[in-house]
């Protein structure tokens, strides 16, 4: 089974690529962001560890993590971001390892993990190949502003918490440029599939 790390900057289109890959019956796709939410869900060990570190001010009235408040903190405080990652990343990696084993047992041909901070965390080394989704800086900025309903300054600050796109592509075995429409992206994903699954 081939393992692939799928990454890129925020609002470059990673999730769209994941969705297109997930259609293929030979491919198992895992979203690290969804796993992050699961390991920090209500009543979880992860949430208890986060609240022990950051305090109950980061809980909502219903006892779940206040993600907006936490995001605001880690965008302005790099030490807090490192602490949060130190709590969550081991739990996320453990879950991914379990899902990878299940994929192997299920005879999947390809196991894909989508994670925005894969290169920053060094986990890109865990995979046979790395796919980086990228786009022009102005495209990324505009998409993030529209998606989150934020101004340009806030969007730039958010983008600045990640490794620049031109640095991420240096780690890529395959690069998908996503500046066009969905048809263009589908064509790029088809080319990728022809590369990674050439003999089927």
C-alpha atoms as a PDB file:
ATOM      1  CA  UNK A   1       0.000   0.000   0.000  1.00  0.00           C
ATOM      2  CA  UNK A   2       1.292   3.427  -0.983  1.00  0.00           C
ATOM      3  CA  UNK A   3       1.055   6.118   1.689  1.00  0.00           C
ATOM      4  CA  UNK A   4       0.695   9.751   0.683  1.00  0.00           C
ATOM      5  CA  UNK A   5       0.829  12.917   2.733  1.00  0.00           C
ATOM      6  CA  UNK A   6      -1.420  15.604   1.247  1.00  0.00           C
ATOM      7  CA  UNK A   7      -0.713  19.132   2.397  1.00  0.00           C
ATOM      8  CA  UNK A   8      -0.576  22.764   1.351  1.00  0.00           C
ATOM      9  CA  UNK A   9      -1.479  26.171   2.703  1.00  0.00           C
ATOM     10  CA  UNK A  10      -4.829  27.173   4.112  1.00  0.00           C
ATOM     11  CA  UNK A  11      -7.423  27.823   1.376  1.00  0.00           C
ATOM     12  CA  UNK A  12      -5.294  26.319  -1.387  1.00  0.00           C
ATOM     13  CA  UNK A  13      -7.797  23.536  -2.023  1.00  0.00           C
ATOM     14  CA  UNK A  14      -6.511  20.532  -0.055  1.00  0.00           C
ATOM     15  CA  UNK A  15     -10.005  19.440   0.924  1.00  0.00           C
ATOM     16  CA  UNK A  16     -11.193  19.639  -2.677  1.00  0.00           C
ATOM     17  CA  UNK A  17      -8.323  17.395  -3.753  1.00  0.00           C
ATOM     18  CA  UNK A  18      -9.106  15.009  -0.893  1.00  0.00           C
ATOM     19  CA  UNK A  19     -12.741  14.815  -1.956  1.00  0.00           C
ATOM     20  CA  UNK A  20     -11.752  13.968  -5.528  1.00  0.00           C
ATOM     21  CA  UNK A  21      -9.325  11.281  -4.365  1.00  0.00           C
ATOM     22  CA  UNK A  22     -11.878   9.852  -1.954  1.00  0.00           C
ATOM     23  CA  UNK A  23     -14.165   8.961  -4.853  1.00  0.00           C
ATOM     24  CA  UNK A  24     -11.654   6.337  -5.972  1.00  0.00           C
ATOM     25  CA  UNK A  25     -12.464   2.948  -4.429  1.00  0.00           C
ATOM     26  CA  UNK A  26      -8.778   2.011  -4.249  1.00  0.00           C
ATOM     27  CA  UNK A  27      -7.937   4.999  -2.051  1.00  0.00           C
ATOM     28  CA  UNK A  28      -8.582   5.609   1.651  1.00  0.00           C
ATOM     29  CA  UNK A  29      -8.490   9.303   2.575  1.00  0.00           C
ATOM     30  CA  UNK A  30      -8.113  10.565   6.138  1.00  0.00           C
ATOM     31  CA  UNK A  31      -8.547  14.190   7.239  1.00  0.00           C
ATOM     32  CA  UNK A  32      -6.217  15.128  10.116  1.00  0.00           C
ATOM     33  CA  UNK A  33      -8.342  18.173  10.936  1.00  0.00           C
ATOM     34  CA  UNK A  34     -11.381  15.972  11.565  1.00  0.00           C
ATOM     35  CA  UNK A  35      -9.239  13.688  13.703  1.00  0.00           C
ATOM     36  CA  UNK A  36      -8.006  16.738  15.621  1.00  0.00           C
ATOM     37  CA  UNK A  37     -11.600  17.622  16.421  1.00  0.00           C
ATOM     38  CA  UNK A  38     -12.335  14.050  17.479  1.00  0.00           C
ATOM     39  CA  UNK A  39      -9.368  13.715  19.849  1.00  0.00           C
ATOM     40  CA  UNK A  40     -10.378  17.015  21.464  1.00  0.00           C
ATOM     41  CA  UNK A  41     -14.123  16.350  21.608  1.00  0.00           C
ATOM     42  CA  UNK A  42     -16.364  16.588  24.666  1.00  0.00           C
ATOM     43  CA  UNK A  43     -15.182  14.295  27.455  1.00  0.00           C
ATOM     44  CA  UNK A  44     -11.990  13.249  25.658  1.00  0.00           C
ATOM     45  CA  UNK A  45      -8.528  12.832  27.132  1.00  0.00           C
ATOM     46  CA  UNK A  46      -7.313  15.421  24.634  1.00  0.00           C
ATOM     47  CA  UNK A  47      -9.804  18.049  25.786  1.00  0.00           C
ATOM     48  CA  UNK A  48      -8.903  17.421  29.429  1.00  0.00           C
ATOM     49  CA  UNK A  49      -5.224  17.965  28.632  1.00  0.00           C
ATOM     50  CA  UNK A  50      -5.966  21.146  26.680  1.00  0.00           C
ATOM     51  CA  UNK A  51      -8.073  22.603  29.491  1.00  0.00           C
ATOM     52  CA  UNK A  52      -5.464  21.632  32.073  1.00  0.00           C
ATOM     53  CA  UNK A  53      -2.932  23.678  30.102  1.00  0.00           C
ATOM     54  CA  UNK A  54      -5.079  26.624  28.983  1.00  0.00           C
ATOM     55  CA  UNK A  55      -7.867  26.806  31.568  1.00  0.00           C
ATOM     56  CA  UNK A  56     -11.643  26.532  31.584  1.00  0.00           C
ATOM     57  CA  UNK A  57     -11.952  29.918  29.873  1.00  0.00           C
ATOM     58  CA  UNK A  58     -11.439  27.951  26.658  1.00  0.00           C
ATOM     59  CA  UNK A  59     -14.611  25.909  27.180  1.00  0.00           C
ATOM     60  CA  UNK A  60     -17.972  26.857  25.708  1.00  0.00           C
ATOM     61  CA  UNK A  61     -21.085  26.742  27.940  1.00  0.00           C
ATOM     62  CA  UNK A  62     -21.845  23.228  26.661  1.00  0.00           C
ATOM     63  CA  UNK A  63     -18.423  21.944  27.752  1.00  0.00           C
ATOM     64  CA  UNK A  64     -16.753  21.742  24.339  1.00  0.00           C
ATOM     65  CA  UNK A  65     -13.599  23.499  23.194  1.00  0.00           C
ATOM     66  CA  UNK A  66     -14.064  27.122  22.173  1.00  0.00           C
ATOM     67  CA  UNK A  67     -12.238  26.747  18.873  1.00  0.00           C
ATOM     68  CA  UNK A  68     -12.586  30.374  17.812  1.00  0.00           C
ATOM     69  CA  UNK A  69     -11.044  31.597  21.073  1.00  0.00           C
ATOM     70  CA  UNK A  70      -8.274  29.006  20.875  1.00  0.00           C
ATOM     71  CA  UNK A  71      -7.521  29.903  17.259  1.00  0.00           C
ATOM     72  CA  UNK A  72      -7.273  33.590  18.192  1.00  0.00           C
ATOM     73  CA  UNK A  73      -4.782  32.730  20.937  1.00  0.00           C
ATOM     74  CA  UNK A  74      -2.479  30.533  18.888  1.00  0.00           C
ATOM     75  CA  UNK A  75      -2.444  33.031  16.022  1.00  0.00           C
ATOM     76  CA  UNK A  76      -0.856  35.633  18.293  1.00  0.00           C
ATOM     77  CA  UNK A  77       1.094  33.387  20.678  1.00  0.00           C
ATOM     78  CA  UNK A  78       3.563  30.947  19.120  1.00  0.00           C
ATOM     79  CA  UNK A  79       4.379  29.333  22.487  1.00  0.00           C
ATOM     80  CA  UNK A  80       0.703  28.569  23.048  1.00  0.00           C
ATOM     81  CA  UNK A  81       0.494  27.105  19.557  1.00  0.00           C
ATOM     82  CA  UNK A  82       3.460  24.829  20.254  1.00  0.00           C
ATOM     83  CA  UNK A  83       1.890  23.699  23.532  1.00  0.00           C
ATOM     84  CA  UNK A  84      -1.419  22.906  21.837  1.00  0.00           C
ATOM     85  CA  UNK A  85       0.333  20.983  19.085  1.00  0.00           C
ATOM     86  CA  UNK A  86       2.366  19.103  21.699  1.00  0.00           C
ATOM     87  CA  UNK A  87      -0.880  17.878  23.249  1.00  0.00           C
ATOM     88  CA  UNK A  88      -2.836  17.080  20.098  1.00  0.00           C
ATOM     89  CA  UNK A  89      -0.266  15.865  17.563  1.00  0.00           C
ATOM     90  CA  UNK A  90       0.635  12.610  19.394  1.00  0.00           C
ATOM     91  CA  UNK A  91      -3.060  11.757  19.710  1.00  0.00           C
ATOM     92  CA  UNK A  92      -3.657  12.538  16.043  1.00  0.00           C
ATOM     93  CA  UNK A  93      -0.681  10.424  14.941  1.00  0.00           C
ATOM     94  CA  UNK A  94      -1.875   7.502  17.046  1.00  0.00           C
ATOM     95  CA  UNK A  95      -5.310   7.644  15.425  1.00  0.00           C
ATOM     96  CA  UNK A  96      -3.829   7.923  11.937  1.00  0.00           C
ATOM     97  CA  UNK A  97      -1.642   4.870  12.593  1.00  0.00           C
ATOM     98  CA  UNK A  98      -4.734   2.878  13.576  1.00  0.00           C
ATOM     99  CA  UNK A  99      -6.591   3.968  10.440  1.00  0.00           C
ATOM    100  CA  UNK A 100      -3.580   3.126   8.267  1.00  0.00           C
ATOM    101  CA  UNK A 101      -3.489  -0.394   9.670  1.00  0.00           C
ATOM    102  CA  UNK A 102      -7.209  -0.775   8.978  1.00  0.00           C
ATOM    103  CA  UNK A 103      -6.609   0.371   5.390  1.00  0.00           C
ATOM    104  CA  UNK A 104      -3.856  -2.226   4.985  1.00  0.00           C
ATOM    105  CA  UNK A 105      -6.128  -4.936   6.327  1.00  0.00           C
ATOM    106  CA  UNK A 106      -8.797  -3.766   3.888  1.00  0.00           C
ATOM    107  CA  UNK A 107      -6.366  -4.124   0.964  1.00  0.00           C
ATOM    108  CA  UNK A 108      -6.467  -0.450  -0.016  1.00  0.00           C
ATOM    109  CA  UNK A 109      -3.985   0.509  -2.732  1.00  0.00           C
ATOM    110  CA  UNK A 110      -3.356   4.031  -1.446  1.00  0.00           C
ATOM    111  CA  UNK A 111      -3.686   5.639   1.988  1.00  0.00           C
ATOM    112  CA  UNK A 112      -3.867   9.456   1.926  1.00  0.00           C
ATOM    113  CA  UNK A 113      -3.604  11.724   4.950  1.00  0.00           C
ATOM    114  CA  UNK A 114      -4.612  15.357   4.489  1.00  0.00           C
ATOM    115  CA  UNK A 115      -2.947  17.658   7.032  1.00  0.00           C
ATOM    116  CA  UNK A 116      -2.293  21.382   6.777  1.00  0.00           C
ATOM    117  CA  UNK A 117       0.710  21.407   9.138  1.00  0.00           C
ATOM    118  CA  UNK A 118       2.316  18.165   7.997  1.00  0.00           C
ATOM    119  CA  UNK A 119       5.588  19.753   6.923  1.00  0.00           C
ATOM    120  CA  UNK A 120       5.720  22.096   9.907  1.00  0.00           C
ATOM    121  CA  UNK A 121       5.270  19.109  12.242  1.00  0.00           C
ATOM    122  CA  UNK A 122       7.759  16.947  10.353  1.00  0.00           C
ATOM    123  CA  UNK A 123       5.212  14.167   9.781  1.00  0.00           C
ATOM    124  CA  UNK A 124       5.604  14.402   5.989  1.00  0.00           C
ATOM    125  CA  UNK A 125       8.553  12.043   6.528  1.00  0.00           C
ATOM    126  CA  UNK A 126       6.097   9.320   7.564  1.00  0.00           C
ATOM    127  CA  UNK A 127       4.768   8.896   4.007  1.00  0.00           C
ATOM    128  CA  UNK A 128       6.064   7.369   0.795  1.00  0.00           C
ATOM    129  CA  UNK A 129       5.207  10.516  -1.163  1.00  0.00           C
ATOM    130  CA  UNK A 130       4.126  14.068  -0.423  1.00  0.00           C
ATOM    131  CA  UNK A 131       1.572  15.987  -2.492  1.00  0.00           C
ATOM    132  CA  UNK A 132       1.477  19.759  -2.010  1.00  0.00           C
ATOM    133  CA  UNK A 133      -1.521  21.776  -3.161  1.00  0.00           C
ATOM    134  CA  UNK A 134      -0.590  25.358  -3.916  1.00  0.00           C
ATOM    135  CA  UNK A 135      -1.912  28.479  -5.612  1.00  0.00           C
ATOM    136  CA  UNK A 136      -1.016  32.117  -6.133  1.00  0.00           C
ATOM    137  CA  UNK A 137      -0.705  34.173  -2.951  1.00  0.00           C
ATOM    138  CA  UNK A 138      -3.481  36.541  -4.015  1.00  0.00           C
ATOM    139  CA  UNK A 139      -5.780  33.599  -4.741  1.00  0.00           C
ATOM    140  CA  UNK A 140      -5.107  32.120  -1.319  1.00  0.00           C
ATOM    141  CA  UNK A 141      -5.753  35.449   0.398  1.00  0.00           C
ATOM    142  CA  UNK A 142      -9.022  36.060  -1.427  1.00  0.00           C
ATOM    143  CA  UNK A 143     -10.315  32.534  -0.788  1.00  0.00           C
ATOM    144  CA  UNK A 144      -9.557  32.751   2.928  1.00  0.00           C
ATOM    145  CA  UNK A 145     -11.229  36.168   3.255  1.00  0.00           C
ATOM    146  CA  UNK A 146     -14.369  34.889   1.548  1.00  0.00           C
ATOM    147  CA  UNK A 147     -14.435  31.561   3.390  1.00  0.00           C
ATOM    148  CA  UNK A 148     -13.992  33.008   6.875  1.00  0.00           C
ATOM    149  CA  UNK A 149     -15.607  36.404   6.331  1.00  0.00           C
ATOM    150  CA  UNK A 150     -12.492  38.221   7.533  1.00  0.00           C
ATOM    151  CA  UNK A 151     -10.486  41.215   6.344  1.00  0.00           C
ATOM    152  CA  UNK A 152      -7.185  41.073   4.506  1.00  0.00           C
ATOM    153  CA  UNK A 153      -5.088  41.823   7.596  1.00  0.00           C
ATOM    154  CA  UNK A 154      -6.666  38.982   9.575  1.00  0.00           C
ATOM    155  CA  UNK A 155      -6.261  36.620   6.631  1.00  0.00           C
ATOM    156  CA  UNK A 156      -2.589  37.507   6.211  1.00  0.00           C
ATOM    157  CA  UNK A 157      -1.984  36.958   9.921  1.00  0.00           C
ATOM    158  CA  UNK A 158      -3.613  33.525   9.694  1.00  0.00           C
ATOM    159  CA  UNK A 159      -1.597  32.589   6.610  1.00  0.00           C
ATOM    160  CA  UNK A 160       1.605  33.738   8.331  1.00  0.00           C
ATOM    161  CA  UNK A 161       1.230  31.020  11.000  1.00  0.00           C
ATOM    162  CA  UNK A 162       2.019  28.422   8.315  1.00  0.00           C
ATOM    163  CA  UNK A 163       5.121  27.752   6.268  1.00  0.00           C
ATOM    164  CA  UNK A 164       5.033  29.848   3.051  1.00  0.00           C
ATOM    165  CA  UNK A 165       3.745  28.025  -0.011  1.00  0.00           C
ATOM    166  CA  UNK A 166       7.022  28.427  -1.893  1.00  0.00           C
ATOM    167  CA  UNK A 167       8.750  26.618   0.979  1.00  0.00           C
ATOM    168  CA  UNK A 168       6.163  23.839   1.166  1.00  0.00           C
ATOM    169  CA  UNK A 169       6.523  22.934  -2.498  1.00  0.00           C
ATOM    170  CA  UNK A 170      10.216  22.191  -1.900  1.00  0.00           C
ATOM    171  CA  UNK A 171       9.093  19.092   0.016  1.00  0.00           C
ATOM    172  CA  UNK A 172       6.705  17.888  -2.685  1.00  0.00           C
ATOM    173  CA  UNK A 173       7.039  14.737  -4.755  1.00  0.00           C
ATOM    174  CA  UNK A 174       3.949  15.949  -6.617  1.00  0.00           C
ATOM    175  CA  UNK A 175       2.574  19.482  -6.834  1.00  0.00           C
ATOM    176  CA  UNK A 176      -0.994  20.466  -7.715  1.00  0.00           C
ATOM    177  CA  UNK A 177      -1.460  24.097  -8.771  1.00  0.00           C
ATOM    178  CA  UNK A 178      -5.021  25.117  -7.940  1.00  0.00           C
ATOM    179  CA  UNK A 179      -5.648  28.544  -9.426  1.00  0.00           C
ATOM    180  CA  UNK A 180      -8.329  27.491 -11.911  1.00  0.00           C
ATOM    181  CA  UNK A 181     -11.838  26.090 -11.647  1.00  0.00           C
ATOM    182  CA  UNK A 182     -13.038  22.669 -10.534  1.00  0.00           C
ATOM    183  CA  UNK A 183     -12.610  21.168 -13.996  1.00  0.00           C
ATOM    184  CA  UNK A 184      -8.953  22.212 -13.959  1.00  0.00           C
ATOM    185  CA  UNK A 185      -8.529  20.665 -10.523  1.00  0.00           C
ATOM    186  CA  UNK A 186     -10.165  17.412 -11.636  1.00  0.00           C
ATOM    187  CA  UNK A 187      -7.710  17.218 -14.532  1.00  0.00           C
ATOM    188  CA  UNK A 188      -4.779  17.745 -12.159  1.00  0.00           C
ATOM    189  CA  UNK A 189      -6.037  15.024  -9.819  1.00  0.00           C
ATOM    190  CA  UNK A 190      -6.481  12.647 -12.761  1.00  0.00           C
ATOM    191  CA  UNK A 191      -2.864  13.246 -13.754  1.00  0.00           C
ATOM    192  CA  UNK A 192      -1.819  12.550 -10.166  1.00  0.00           C
ATOM    193  CA  UNK A 193      -3.764   9.290 -10.120  1.00  0.00           C
ATOM    194  CA  UNK A 194      -2.130   8.213 -13.376  1.00  0.00           C
ATOM    195  CA  UNK A 195       1.244   8.769 -11.705  1.00  0.00           C
ATOM    196  CA  UNK A 196       0.565   6.977  -8.439  1.00  0.00           C
ATOM    197  CA  UNK A 197      -1.603   4.151  -9.822  1.00  0.00           C
ATOM    198  CA  UNK A 198      -0.161   3.602 -13.314  1.00  0.00           C
ATOM    199  CA  UNK A 199      -0.793  -0.120 -13.646  1.00  0.00           C
ATOM    200  CA  UNK A 200      -4.451  -0.536 -12.923  1.00  0.00           C
END
